[in-house]
PDB file of all heavy atoms in Angstrom:
ATOM      1  N   ASP A   1      -3.713  -6.416  -0.683  1.00  0.00           N
ATOM      2  CA  ASP A   1      -3.024  -7.690  -0.869  1.00  0.00           C
ATOM      3  C   ASP A   1      -1.514  -7.570  -1.006  1.00  0.00           C
ATOM      4  O   ASP A   1      -0.830  -8.569  -1.159  1.00  0.00           O
ATOM      5  CB  ASP A   1      -3.595  -8.413  -2.103  1.00  0.00           C
ATOM      6  CG  ASP A   1      -5.052  -8.805  -1.900  1.00  0.00           C
ATOM      7  OD1 ASP A   1      -5.384  -9.246  -0.791  1.00  0.00           O
ATOM      8  OD2 ASP A   1      -5.847  -8.661  -2.833  1.00  0.00           O
ATOM      9  N   GLY A   2      -0.962  -6.374  -0.972  1.00  0.00           N
ATOM     10  CA  GLY A   2       0.482  -6.231  -1.072  1.00  0.00           C
ATOM     11  C   GLY A   2       0.883  -4.788  -1.255  1.00  0.00           C
ATOM     12  O   GLY A   2       0.958  -4.293  -2.376  1.00  0.00           O
ATOM     13  N   VAL A   3       1.176  -4.077  -0.144  1.00  0.00           N
ATOM     14  CA  VAL A   3       1.535  -2.657  -0.200  1.00  0.00           C
ATOM     15  C   VAL A   3       3.009  -2.511   0.141  1.00  0.00           C
ATOM     16  O   VAL A   3       3.474  -3.001   1.179  1.00  0.00           O
ATOM     17  CB  VAL A   3       0.685  -1.818   0.768  1.00  0.00           C
ATOM     18  CG1 VAL A   3       1.106  -0.356   0.719  1.00  0.00           C
ATOM     19  CG2 VAL A   3      -0.797  -1.952   0.428  1.00  0.00           C
ATOM     20  N   THR A   4       3.756  -1.833  -0.733  1.00  0.00           N
ATOM     21  CA  THR A   4       5.173  -1.576  -0.526  1.00  0.00           C
ATOM     22  C   THR A   4       5.432  -0.084  -0.665  1.00  0.00           C
ATOM     23  O   THR A   4       4.943   0.550  -1.597  1.00  0.00           O
ATOM     24  CB  THR A   4       6.031  -2.343  -1.548  1.00  0.00           C
ATOM     25  OG1 THR A   4       5.826  -3.748  -1.373  1.00  0.00           O
ATOM     26  CG2 THR A   4       7.509  -2.045  -1.362  1.00  0.00           C
ATOM     27  N   LEU A   5       6.175   0.477   0.285  1.00  0.00           N
ATOM     28  CA  LEU A   5       6.572   1.877   0.212  1.00  0.00           C
ATOM     29  C   LEU A   5       7.991   1.962  -0.340  1.00  0.00           C
ATOM     30  O   LEU A   5       8.915   1.376   0.241  1.00  0.00           O
ATOM     31  CB  LEU A   5       6.514   2.540   1.589  1.00  0.00           C
ATOM     32  CG  LEU A   5       5.125   2.712   2.215  1.00  0.00           C
ATOM     33  CD1 LEU A   5       5.241   3.344   3.600  1.00  0.00           C
ATOM     34  CD2 LEU A   5       4.225   3.554   1.329  1.00  0.00           C
ATOM     35  N   GLY A   6       8.149   2.676  -1.451  1.00  0.00           N
ATOM     36  CA  GLY A   6       9.470   2.803  -2.054  1.00  0.00           C
ATOM     37  C   GLY A   6      10.012   1.448  -2.457  1.00  0.00           C
ATOM     38  O   GLY A   6       9.352   0.667  -3.150  1.00  0.00           O
ATOM     39  N   ASP A   7      11.233   1.152  -1.994  1.00  0.00           N
ATOM     40  CA  ASP A   7      11.870  -0.121  -2.322  1.00  0.00           C
ATOM     41  C   ASP A   7      11.781  -1.128  -1.191  1.00  0.00           C
ATOM     42  O   ASP A   7      12.508  -2.125  -1.180  1.00  0.00           O
ATOM     43  CB  ASP A   7      13.326   0.118  -2.720  1.00  0.00           C
ATOM     44  CG  ASP A   7      13.442   0.820  -4.070  1.00  0.00           C
ATOM     45  OD1 ASP A   7      12.932   0.267  -5.061  1.00  0.00           O
ATOM     46  OD2 ASP A   7      13.996   1.935  -4.127  1.00  0.00           O
ATOM     47  N   GLY A   8      10.920  -0.869  -0.195  1.00  0.00           N
ATOM     48  CA  GLY A   8      10.562  -1.895   0.769  1.00  0.00           C
ATOM     49  C   GLY A   8      11.413  -2.039   2.001  1.00  0.00           C
ATOM     50  O   GLY A   8      11.274  -3.028   2.720  1.00  0.00           O
ATOM     51  N   ILE A   9      12.271  -1.082   2.311  1.00  0.00           N
ATOM     52  CA  ILE A   9      13.124  -1.234   3.489  1.00  0.00           C
ATOM     53  C   ILE A   9      12.309  -1.185   4.779  1.00  0.00           C
ATOM     54  O   ILE A   9      12.673  -1.788   5.787  1.00  0.00           O
ATOM     55  CB  ILE A   9      14.238  -0.158   3.508  1.00  0.00           C
ATOM     56  CG1 ILE A   9      15.254  -0.468   4.612  1.00  0.00           C
ATOM     57  CG2 ILE A   9      13.653   1.234   3.658  1.00  0.00           C
ATOM     58  CD1 ILE A   9      16.458   0.454   4.612  1.00  0.00           C
ATOM     59  N   VAL A  10      11.174  -0.480   4.760  1.00  0.00           N
ATOM     60  CA  VAL A  10      10.318  -0.363   5.934  1.00  0.00           C
ATOM     61  C   VAL A  10       9.045  -1.171   5.764  1.00  0.00           C
ATOM     62  O   VAL A  10       8.674  -1.976   6.616  1.00  0.00           O
ATOM     63  CB  VAL A  10       9.978   1.119   6.222  1.00  0.00           C
ATOM     64  CG1 VAL A  10       8.835   1.236   7.210  1.00  0.00           C
ATOM     65  CG2 VAL A  10      11.212   1.834   6.753  1.00  0.00           C
ATOM     66  N   MET A  11       8.331  -0.958   4.668  1.00  0.00           N
ATOM     67  CA  MET A  11       7.091  -1.686   4.403  1.00  0.00           C
ATOM     68  C   MET A  11       7.222  -2.442   3.093  1.00  0.00           C
ATOM     69  O   MET A  11       7.438  -1.842   2.044  1.00  0.00           O
ATOM     70  CB  MET A  11       5.887  -0.730   4.347  1.00  0.00           C
ATOM     71  CG  MET A  11       4.560  -1.420   4.083  1.00  0.00           C
ATOM     72  SD  MET A  11       3.126  -0.306   4.214  1.00  0.00           S
ATOM     73  CE  MET A  11       3.110  -0.015   5.986  1.00  0.00           C
ATOM     74  N   ASN A  12       7.103  -3.771   3.173  1.00  0.00           N
ATOM     75  CA  ASN A  12       7.298  -4.611   1.998  1.00  0.00           C
ATOM     76  C   ASN A  12       6.197  -5.666   1.919  1.00  0.00           C
ATOM     77  O   ASN A  12       6.106  -6.555   2.761  1.00  0.00           O
ATOM     78  CB  ASN A  12       8.675  -5.289   2.062  1.00  0.00           C
ATOM     79  CG  ASN A  12       9.004  -6.054   0.802  1.00  0.00           C
ATOM     80  OD1 ASN A  12       8.596  -5.670  -0.292  1.00  0.00           O
ATOM     81  ND2 ASN A  12       9.739  -7.139   0.940  1.00  0.00           N
ATOM     82  N   ASN A  13       5.321  -5.536   0.917  1.00  0.00           N
ATOM     83  CA  ASN A  13       4.247  -6.500   0.670  1.00  0.00           C
ATOM     84  C   ASN A  13       3.304  -6.663   1.861  1.00  0.00           C
ATOM     85  O   ASN A  13       2.826  -7.767   2.149  1.00  0.00           O
ATOM     86  CB  ASN A  13       4.815  -7.872   0.281  1.00  0.00           C
ATOM     87  CG  ASN A  13       5.361  -7.892  -1.132  1.00  0.00           C
ATOM     88  OD1 ASN A  13       4.803  -7.278  -2.030  1.00  0.00           O
ATOM     89  ND2 ASN A  13       6.470  -8.583  -1.318  1.00  0.00           N
ATOM     90  N   TYR A  14       3.025  -5.560   2.563  1.00  0.00           N
ATOM     91  CA  TYR A  14       2.056  -5.624   3.665  1.00  0.00           C
ATOM     92  C   TYR A  14       0.667  -5.962   3.125  1.00  0.00           C
ATOM     93  O   TYR A  14       0.261  -5.482   2.066  1.00  0.00           O
ATOM     94  CB  TYR A  14       2.001  -4.288   4.415  1.00  0.00           C
ATOM     95  CG  TYR A  14       0.821  -4.203   5.355  1.00  0.00           C
ATOM     96  CD1 TYR A  14       0.892  -4.766   6.622  1.00  0.00           C
ATOM     97  CD2 TYR A  14      -0.384  -3.603   4.957  1.00  0.00           C
ATOM     98  CE1 TYR A  14      -0.198  -4.723   7.479  1.00  0.00           C
ATOM     99  CE2 TYR A  14      -1.476  -3.559   5.810  1.00  0.00           C
ATOM    100  CZ  TYR A  14      -1.375  -4.120   7.067  1.00  0.00           C
ATOM    101  OH  TYR A  14      -2.460  -4.077   7.901  1.00  0.00           O
ATOM    102  N   ARG A  15      -0.069  -6.778   3.854  1.00  0.00           N
ATOM    103  CA  ARG A  15      -1.454  -7.080   3.487  1.00  0.00           C
ATOM    104  C   ARG A  15      -2.313  -7.151   4.745  1.00  0.00           C
ATOM    105  O   ARG A  15      -1.832  -7.529   5.823  1.00  0.00           O
ATOM    106  CB  ARG A  15      -1.549  -8.394   2.711  1.00  0.00           C
ATOM    107  CG  ARG A  15      -1.153  -9.640   3.475  1.00  0.00           C
ATOM    108  CD  ARG A  15      -1.111 -10.848   2.558  1.00  0.00           C
ATOM    109  NE  ARG A  15      -0.741 -12.071   3.249  1.00  0.00           N
ATOM    110  CZ  ARG A  15      -1.607 -13.005   3.636  1.00  0.00           C
ATOM    111  NH1 ARG A  15      -2.906 -12.829   3.423  1.00  0.00           N
ATOM    112  NH2 ARG A  15      -1.210 -14.103   4.245  1.00  0.00           N
ATOM    113  N   ASN A  16      -3.570  -6.785   4.600  1.00  0.00           N
ATOM    114  CA  ASN A  16      -4.485  -6.823   5.734  1.00  0.00           C
ATOM    115  C   ASN A  16      -5.473  -7.979   5.619  1.00  0.00           C
ATOM    116  O   ASN A  16      -6.528  -7.962   6.267  1.00  0.00           O
ATOM    117  CB  ASN A  16      -5.244  -5.500   5.867  1.00  0.00           C
ATOM    118  CG  ASN A  16      -6.174  -5.224   4.684  1.00  0.00           C
ATOM    119  OD1 ASN A  16      -6.260  -6.013   3.743  1.00  0.00           O
ATOM    120  ND2 ASN A  16      -6.859  -4.097   4.723  1.00  0.00           N
ATOM    121  N   THR A  17      -5.145  -8.979   4.818  1.00  0.00           N
ATOM    122  CA  THR A  17      -6.032 -10.125   4.593  1.00  0.00           C
ATOM    123  C   THR A  17      -5.530 -11.383   5.296  1.00  0.00           C
ATOM    124  O   THR A  17      -5.904 -12.492   4.923  1.00  0.00           O
ATOM    125  CB  THR A  17      -6.175 -10.398   3.082  1.00  0.00           C
ATOM    126  OG1 THR A  17      -4.861 -10.582   2.511  1.00  0.00           O
ATOM    127  CG2 THR A  17      -6.856  -9.236   2.388  1.00  0.00           C
ATOM    128  N   LEU A  18      -4.695 -11.208   6.312  1.00  0.00           N
ATOM    129  CA  LEU A  18      -4.083 -12.363   6.979  1.00  0.00           C
ATOM    130  C   LEU A  18      -5.132 -13.263   7.623  1.00  0.00           C
ATOM    131  O   LEU A  18      -5.002 -14.489   7.598  1.00  0.00           O
ATOM    132  CB  LEU A  18      -3.089 -11.871   8.038  1.00  0.00           C
ATOM    133  CG  LEU A  18      -2.061 -12.874   8.559  1.00  0.00           C
ATOM    134  CD1 LEU A  18      -1.157 -13.349   7.437  1.00  0.00           C
ATOM    135  CD2 LEU A  18      -1.235 -12.264   9.672  1.00  0.00           C
ATOM    136  N   ASP A  19      -6.182 -12.679   8.202  1.00  0.00           N
ATOM    137  CA  ASP A  19      -7.212 -13.461   8.883  1.00  0.00           C
ATOM    138  C   ASP A  19      -8.491 -13.573   8.063  1.00  0.00           C
ATOM    139  O   ASP A  19      -9.540 -13.950   8.581  1.00  0.00           O
ATOM    140  CB  ASP A  19      -7.541 -12.822  10.237  1.00  0.00           C
ATOM    141  CG  ASP A  19      -6.360 -12.826  11.177  1.00  0.00           C
ATOM    142  OD1 ASP A  19      -5.680 -13.865  11.254  1.00  0.00           O
ATOM    143  OD2 ASP A  19      -6.094 -11.797  11.821  1.00  0.00           O
ATOM    144  N   TYR A  20      -8.427 -13.223   6.782  1.00  0.00           N
ATOM    145  CA  TYR A  20      -9.577 -13.334   5.898  1.00  0.00           C
ATOM    146  C   TYR A  20      -9.902 -14.820   5.676  1.00  0.00           C
ATOM    147  O   TYR A  20      -8.995 -15.634   5.557  1.00  0.00           O
ATOM    148  CB  TYR A  20      -9.229 -12.659   4.562  1.00  0.00           C
ATOM    149  CG  TYR A  20     -10.241 -12.841   3.467  1.00  0.00           C
ATOM    150  CD1 TYR A  20     -11.304 -11.966   3.341  1.00  0.00           C
ATOM    151  CD2 TYR A  20     -10.133 -13.898   2.566  1.00  0.00           C
ATOM    152  CE1 TYR A  20     -12.235 -12.137   2.331  1.00  0.00           C
ATOM    153  CE2 TYR A  20     -11.061 -14.079   1.563  1.00  0.00           C
ATOM    154  CZ  TYR A  20     -12.105 -13.196   1.449  1.00  0.00           C
ATOM    155  OH  TYR A  20     -13.034 -13.368   0.453  1.00  0.00           O
ATOM    156  N   PRO A  21     -11.177 -15.254   5.693  1.00  0.00           N
ATOM    157  CA  PRO A  21     -12.378 -14.420   5.710  1.00  0.00           C
ATOM    158  C   PRO A  21     -13.035 -14.269   7.077  1.00  0.00           C
ATOM    159  O   PRO A  21     -14.079 -13.656   7.182  1.00  0.00           O
ATOM    160  CB  PRO A  21     -13.311 -15.190   4.784  1.00  0.00           C
ATOM    161  CG  PRO A  21     -12.975 -16.626   5.074  1.00  0.00           C
ATOM    162  CD  PRO A  21     -11.502 -16.659   5.366  1.00  0.00           C
ATOM    163  N   VAL A  22     -12.440 -14.886   8.148  1.00  0.00           N
ATOM    164  CA  VAL A  22     -13.063 -14.772   9.468  1.00  0.00           C
ATOM    165  C   VAL A  22     -13.125 -13.306   9.888  1.00  0.00           C
ATOM    166  O   VAL A  22     -14.127 -12.819  10.395  1.00  0.00           O
ATOM    167  CB  VAL A  22     -12.282 -15.601  10.501  1.00  0.00           C
ATOM    168  CG1 VAL A  22     -12.875 -15.416  11.888  1.00  0.00           C
ATOM    169  CG2 VAL A  22     -12.296 -17.077  10.106  1.00  0.00           C
ATOM    170  N   ILE A  23     -12.022 -12.600   9.671  1.00  0.00           N
ATOM    171  CA  ILE A  23     -11.958 -11.167   9.970  1.00  0.00           C
ATOM    172  C   ILE A  23     -11.644 -10.429   8.676  1.00  0.00           C
ATOM    173  O   ILE A  23     -10.651 -10.728   8.015  1.00  0.00           O
ATOM    174  CB  ILE A  23     -10.885 -10.865  11.022  1.00  0.00           C
ATOM    175  CG1 ILE A  23     -11.210 -11.566  12.347  1.00  0.00           C
ATOM    176  CG2 ILE A  23     -10.762  -9.359  11.239  1.00  0.00           C
ATOM    177  CD1 ILE A  23     -10.136 -11.411  13.393  1.00  0.00           C
ATOM    178  N   LYS A  24     -12.495  -9.498   8.323  1.00  0.00           N
ATOM    179  CA  LYS A  24     -12.270  -8.677   7.139  1.00  0.00           C
ATOM    180  C   LYS A  24     -11.907  -7.270   7.575  1.00  0.00           C
ATOM    181  O   LYS A  24     -12.610  -6.653   8.374  1.00  0.00           O
ATOM    182  CB  LYS A  24     -13.517  -8.646   6.251  1.00  0.00           C
ATOM    183  CG  LYS A  24     -13.792  -9.949   5.528  1.00  0.00           C
ATOM    184  CD  LYS A  24     -14.916  -9.788   4.525  1.00  0.00           C
ATOM    185  CE  LYS A  24     -15.138 -11.064   3.742  1.00  0.00           C
ATOM    186  NZ  LYS A  24     -16.211 -10.916   2.720  1.00  0.00           N
ATOM    187  N   GLN A  25     -10.805  -6.773   7.061  1.00  0.00           N
ATOM    188  CA  GLN A  25     -10.349  -5.433   7.400  1.00  0.00           C
ATOM    189  C   GLN A  25     -10.545  -4.496   6.217  1.00  0.00           C
ATOM    190  O   GLN A  25     -10.465  -4.915   5.054  1.00  0.00           O
ATOM    191  CB  GLN A  25      -8.879  -5.459   7.820  1.00  0.00           C
ATOM    192  CG  GLN A  25      -8.622  -6.327   9.051  1.00  0.00           C
ATOM    193  CD  GLN A  25      -7.183  -6.265   9.517  1.00  0.00           C
ATOM    194  OE1 GLN A  25      -6.294  -5.815   8.801  1.00  0.00           O
ATOM    195  NE2 GLN A  25      -6.941  -6.721  10.727  1.00  0.00           N
ATOM    196  N   THR A  26     -10.779  -3.239   6.522  1.00  0.00           N
ATOM    197  CA  THR A  26     -10.992  -2.236   5.494  1.00  0.00           C
ATOM    198  C   THR A  26      -9.799  -1.290   5.470  1.00  0.00           C
ATOM    199  O   THR A  26      -9.643  -0.434   6.338  1.00  0.00           O
ATOM    200  CB  THR A  26     -12.280  -1.432   5.759  1.00  0.00           C
ATOM    201  OG1 THR A  26     -13.393  -2.337   5.843  1.00  0.00           O
ATOM    202  CG2 THR A  26     -12.525  -0.434   4.648  1.00  0.00           C
ATOM    203  N   GLY A  27      -8.926  -1.486   4.512  1.00  0.00           N
ATOM    204  CA  GLY A  27      -7.736  -0.659   4.385  1.00  0.00           C
ATOM    205  C   GLY A  27      -7.881   0.368   3.282  1.00  0.00           C
ATOM    206  O   GLY A  27      -8.831   0.350   2.495  1.00  0.00           O
ATOM    207  N   LEU A  28      -6.927   1.266   3.220  1.00  0.00           N
ATOM    208  CA  LEU A  28      -6.919   2.311   2.198  1.00  0.00           C
ATOM    209  C   LEU A  28      -5.509   2.454   1.648  1.00  0.00           C
ATOM    210  O   LEU A  28      -4.537   2.553   2.404  1.00  0.00           O
ATOM    211  CB  LEU A  28      -7.379   3.647   2.784  1.00  0.00           C
ATOM    212  CG  LEU A  28      -7.329   4.859   1.854  1.00  0.00           C
ATOM    213  CD1 LEU A  28      -8.305   4.691   0.698  1.00  0.00           C
ATOM    214  CD2 LEU A  28      -7.625   6.143   2.613  1.00  0.00           C
ATOM    215  N   ASP A  29      -5.404   2.452   0.334  1.00  0.00           N
ATOM    216  CA  ASP A  29      -4.122   2.638  -0.352  1.00  0.00           C
ATOM    217  C   ASP A  29      -4.327   3.675  -1.448  1.00  0.00           C
ATOM    218  O   ASP A  29      -5.209   3.515  -2.298  1.00  0.00           O
ATOM    219  CB  ASP A  29      -3.646   1.308  -0.943  1.00  0.00           C
ATOM    220  CG  ASP A  29      -2.241   1.392  -1.522  1.00  0.00           C
ATOM    221  OD1 ASP A  29      -1.475   2.260  -1.064  1.00  0.00           O
ATOM    222  OD2 ASP A  29      -1.912   0.594  -2.425  1.00  0.00           O
ATOM    223  N   ILE A  30      -3.554   4.762  -1.413  1.00  0.00           N
ATOM    224  CA  ILE A  30      -3.733   5.836  -2.393  1.00  0.00           C
ATOM    225  C   ILE A  30      -2.384   6.268  -2.962  1.00  0.00           C
ATOM    226  O   ILE A  30      -1.334   6.022  -2.366  1.00  0.00           O
ATOM    227  CB  ILE A  30      -4.438   7.064  -1.783  1.00  0.00           C
ATOM    228  CG1 ILE A  30      -3.564   7.678  -0.669  1.00  0.00           C
ATOM    229  CG2 ILE A  30      -5.814   6.704  -1.251  1.00  0.00           C
ATOM    230  CD1 ILE A  30      -4.085   8.998  -0.163  1.00  0.00           C
ATOM    231  N   ALA A  31      -2.421   6.893  -4.111  1.00  0.00           N
ATOM    232  CA  ALA A  31      -1.221   7.466  -4.723  1.00  0.00           C
ATOM    233  C   ALA A  31      -1.628   8.632  -5.608  1.00  0.00           C
ATOM    234  O   ALA A  31      -2.606   8.551  -6.353  1.00  0.00           O
ATOM    235  CB  ALA A  31      -0.466   6.418  -5.535  1.00  0.00           C
ATOM    236  N   VAL A  32      -0.890   9.713  -5.479  1.00  0.00           N
ATOM    237  CA  VAL A  32      -1.052  10.889  -6.331  1.00  0.00           C
ATOM    238  C   VAL A  32       0.314  11.187  -6.922  1.00  0.00           C
ATOM    239  O   VAL A  32       1.312  11.236  -6.191  1.00  0.00           O
ATOM    240  CB  VAL A  32      -1.572  12.103  -5.531  1.00  0.00           C
ATOM    241  CG1 VAL A  32      -1.700  13.316  -6.432  1.00  0.00           C
ATOM    242  CG2 VAL A  32      -2.901  11.780  -4.877  1.00  0.00           C
ATOM    243  N   GLY A  33       0.412  11.376  -8.224  1.00  0.00           N
ATOM    244  CA  GLY A  33       1.727  11.566  -8.817  1.00  0.00           C
ATOM    245  C   GLY A  33       1.732  12.384 -10.079  1.00  0.00           C
ATOM    246  O   GLY A  33       0.694  12.855 -10.551  1.00  0.00           O
ATOM    247  N   ASN A  34       2.960  12.549 -10.606  1.00  0.00           N
ATOM    248  CA  ASN A  34       3.183  13.244 -11.873  1.00  0.00           C
ATOM    249  C   ASN A  34       2.659  14.676 -11.849  1.00  0.00           C
ATOM    250  O   ASN A  34       2.071  15.169 -12.809  1.00  0.00           O
ATOM    251  CB  ASN A  34       2.555  12.453 -13.023  1.00  0.00           C
ATOM    252  CG  ASN A  34       3.100  11.037 -13.096  1.00  0.00           C
ATOM    253  OD1 ASN A  34       4.273  10.828 -13.370  1.00  0.00           O
ATOM    254  ND2 ASN A  34       2.256  10.064 -12.819  1.00  0.00           N
ATOM    255  N   ILE A  35       2.873  15.348 -10.701  1.00  0.00           N
ATOM    256  CA  ILE A  35       2.473  16.742 -10.551  1.00  0.00           C
ATOM    257  C   ILE A  35       3.667  17.631 -10.909  1.00  0.00           C
ATOM    258  O   ILE A  35       4.743  17.477 -10.341  1.00  0.00           O
ATOM    259  CB  ILE A  35       2.015  17.028  -9.113  1.00  0.00           C
ATOM    260  CG1 ILE A  35       0.855  16.096  -8.736  1.00  0.00           C
ATOM    261  CG2 ILE A  35       1.604  18.481  -8.949  1.00  0.00           C
ATOM    262  CD1 ILE A  35       0.430  16.197  -7.296  1.00  0.00           C
ATOM    263  N   THR A  36       3.491  18.541 -11.827  1.00  0.00           N
ATOM    264  CA  THR A  36       4.522  19.441 -12.364  1.00  0.00           C
ATOM    265  C   THR A  36       5.594  18.631 -13.084  1.00  0.00           C
ATOM    266  O   THR A  36       5.583  17.389 -13.098  1.00  0.00           O
ATOM    267  CB  THR A  36       5.166  20.315 -11.274  1.00  0.00           C
ATOM    268  OG1 THR A  36       6.092  19.551 -10.510  1.00  0.00           O
ATOM    269  CG2 THR A  36       4.123  20.928 -10.366  1.00  0.00           C
ATOM    270  N   ASP A  37       6.560  19.316 -13.652  1.00  0.00           N
ATOM    271  CA  ASP A  37       7.641  18.647 -14.389  1.00  0.00           C
ATOM    272  C   ASP A  37       8.578  17.875 -13.472  1.00  0.00           C
ATOM    273  O   ASP A  37       9.364  17.044 -13.939  1.00  0.00           O
ATOM    274  CB  ASP A  37       8.440  19.682 -15.182  1.00  0.00           C
ATOM    275  CG  ASP A  37       7.630  20.297 -16.309  1.00  0.00           C
ATOM    276  OD1 ASP A  37       6.675  19.617 -16.767  1.00  0.00           O
ATOM    277  OD2 ASP A  37       7.929  21.439 -16.714  1.00  0.00           O
ATOM    278  N   MET A  38       8.518  18.163 -12.158  1.00  0.00           N
ATOM    279  CA  MET A  38       9.375  17.441 -11.217  1.00  0.00           C
ATOM    280  C   MET A  38       8.745  16.123 -10.762  1.00  0.00           C
ATOM    281  O   MET A  38       9.318  15.423  -9.921  1.00  0.00           O
ATOM    282  CB  MET A  38       9.652  18.321  -9.996  1.00  0.00           C
ATOM    283  CG  MET A  38      10.501  19.541 -10.294  1.00  0.00           C
ATOM    284  SD  MET A  38      10.726  20.588  -8.838  1.00  0.00           S
ATOM    285  CE  MET A  38      11.595  19.471  -7.748  1.00  0.00           C
ATOM    286  N   ASN A  39       7.603  15.793 -11.329  1.00  0.00           N
ATOM    287  CA  ASN A  39       6.928  14.525 -11.013  1.00  0.00           C
ATOM    288  C   ASN A  39       6.730  14.342  -9.505  1.00  0.00           C
ATOM    289  O   ASN A  39       6.994  13.273  -8.943  1.00  0.00           O
ATOM    290  CB  ASN A  39       7.714  13.344 -11.582  1.00  0.00           C
ATOM    291  CG  ASN A  39       7.772  13.369 -13.090  1.00  0.00           C
ATOM    292  OD1 ASN A  39       6.805  13.755 -13.742  1.00  0.00           O
ATOM    293  ND2 ASN A  39       8.916  12.995 -13.656  1.00  0.00           N
ATOM    294  N   ILE A  40       6.284  15.388  -8.843  1.00  0.00           N
ATOM    295  CA  ILE A  40       6.013  15.312  -7.414  1.00  0.00           C
ATOM    296  C   ILE A  40       4.821  14.390  -7.172  1.00  0.00           C
ATOM    297  O   ILE A  40       3.826  14.413  -7.902  1.00  0.00           O
ATOM    298  CB  ILE A  40       5.723  16.706  -6.838  1.00  0.00           C
ATOM    299  CG1 ILE A  40       6.944  17.613  -7.022  1.00  0.00           C
ATOM    300  CG2 ILE A  40       5.333  16.632  -5.371  1.00  0.00           C
ATOM    301  CD1 ILE A  40       6.696  19.043  -6.618  1.00  0.00           C
TER     302      ILE A  40
END
């Protein structure tokens, strides 16, 4: 319902529910963080 990468210069509030409910899309959004002291 709203995916933004970083501060949104490229991807800002993208959603795959534009044609819902006639067309339902299966998206994936993941995040892995806070690895080591450098917060990779």
